[in-house]
Protein backbone atom coordinates (compact mmCIF):
# COMPACT_ATOMS: atom_id res chain seq x y z
CA UNK A 1 15.23 8.66 55.03
CA UNK A 2 15.21 4.87 54.85
CA UNK A 3 17.41 3.22 52.24
CA UNK A 4 15.40 1.35 49.61
CA UNK A 5 16.39 -2.29 49.29
CA UNK A 6 17.64 -3.39 45.90
CA UNK A 7 18.41 -6.66 44.16
CA UNK A 8 21.52 -7.28 42.09
CA UNK A 9 20.60 -9.87 39.45
CA UNK A 10 23.11 -11.59 37.16
CA UNK A 11 22.00 -13.68 34.16
CA UNK A 12 24.30 -16.73 34.34
CA UNK A 13 22.69 -19.64 32.45
CA UNK A 14 21.36 -19.72 28.89
CA UNK A 15 17.60 -19.78 28.27
CA UNK A 16 18.06 -22.21 25.34
CA UNK A 17 16.20 -25.45 26.00
CA UNK A 18 13.87 -23.95 28.59
CA UNK A 19 10.24 -22.89 28.38
CA UNK A 20 9.62 -19.94 26.03
CA UNK A 21 7.72 -18.13 28.79
CA UNK A 22 10.93 -18.06 30.83
CA UNK A 23 12.76 -16.50 27.89
CA UNK A 24 10.05 -13.82 27.75
CA UNK A 25 10.48 -13.09 31.46
CA UNK A 26 14.22 -12.59 30.94
CA UNK A 27 13.49 -10.31 27.99
CA UNK A 28 10.99 -8.31 30.06
CA UNK A 29 13.63 -7.85 32.76
CA UNK A 30 15.98 -6.47 30.09
CA UNK A 31 18.51 -9.30 29.86
CA UNK A 32 20.01 -9.85 26.40
CA UNK A 33 23.43 -11.42 27.04
CA UNK A 34 24.88 -13.91 29.49
CA UNK A 35 26.70 -12.51 32.53
CA UNK A 36 24.76 -9.26 32.36
CA UNK A 37 24.07 -7.67 35.74
CA UNK A 38 21.17 -5.36 36.52
CA UNK A 39 19.92 -3.62 39.66
CA UNK A 40 16.20 -3.81 40.44
CA UNK A 41 14.10 -2.45 43.32
CA UNK A 42 13.13 -5.11 45.83
CA UNK A 43 9.38 -5.48 45.35
CA UNK A 44 6.84 -8.26 44.87
CA UNK A 45 6.57 -7.84 41.08
CA UNK A 46 10.32 -8.22 40.52
CA UNK A 47 10.60 -11.10 42.99
CA UNK A 48 7.72 -12.88 41.24
CA UNK A 49 9.45 -12.56 37.88
CA UNK A 50 12.75 -13.74 39.32
CA UNK A 51 11.02 -16.75 40.90
CA UNK A 52 10.14 -18.04 37.42
CA UNK A 53 13.77 -17.85 36.21
CA UNK A 54 15.57 -18.57 39.49
CA UNK A 55 17.55 -21.42 37.87
CA UNK A 56 18.97 -19.03 35.22
CA UNK A 57 19.97 -16.08 37.41
CA UNK A 58 21.90 -15.29 40.59
CA UNK A 59 20.23 -12.83 42.97
CA UNK A 60 21.99 -10.80 45.68
CA UNK A 61 20.40 -8.32 48.08
CA UNK A 62 22.23 -5.00 48.30
């Protein structure tokens, strides 16, 4: 069975002062506090969301 790729995403920069749509993307991903880390499956939908907030998060492939 092939191992499913995953993304480790850490919310590192505040959404204050940025577009409100970017804040909604972070909220949709489940981020509420700075330095939170979450694991997501590596798929196009998640990558598209992360593209919009790439300056606020750090992404690692695991």
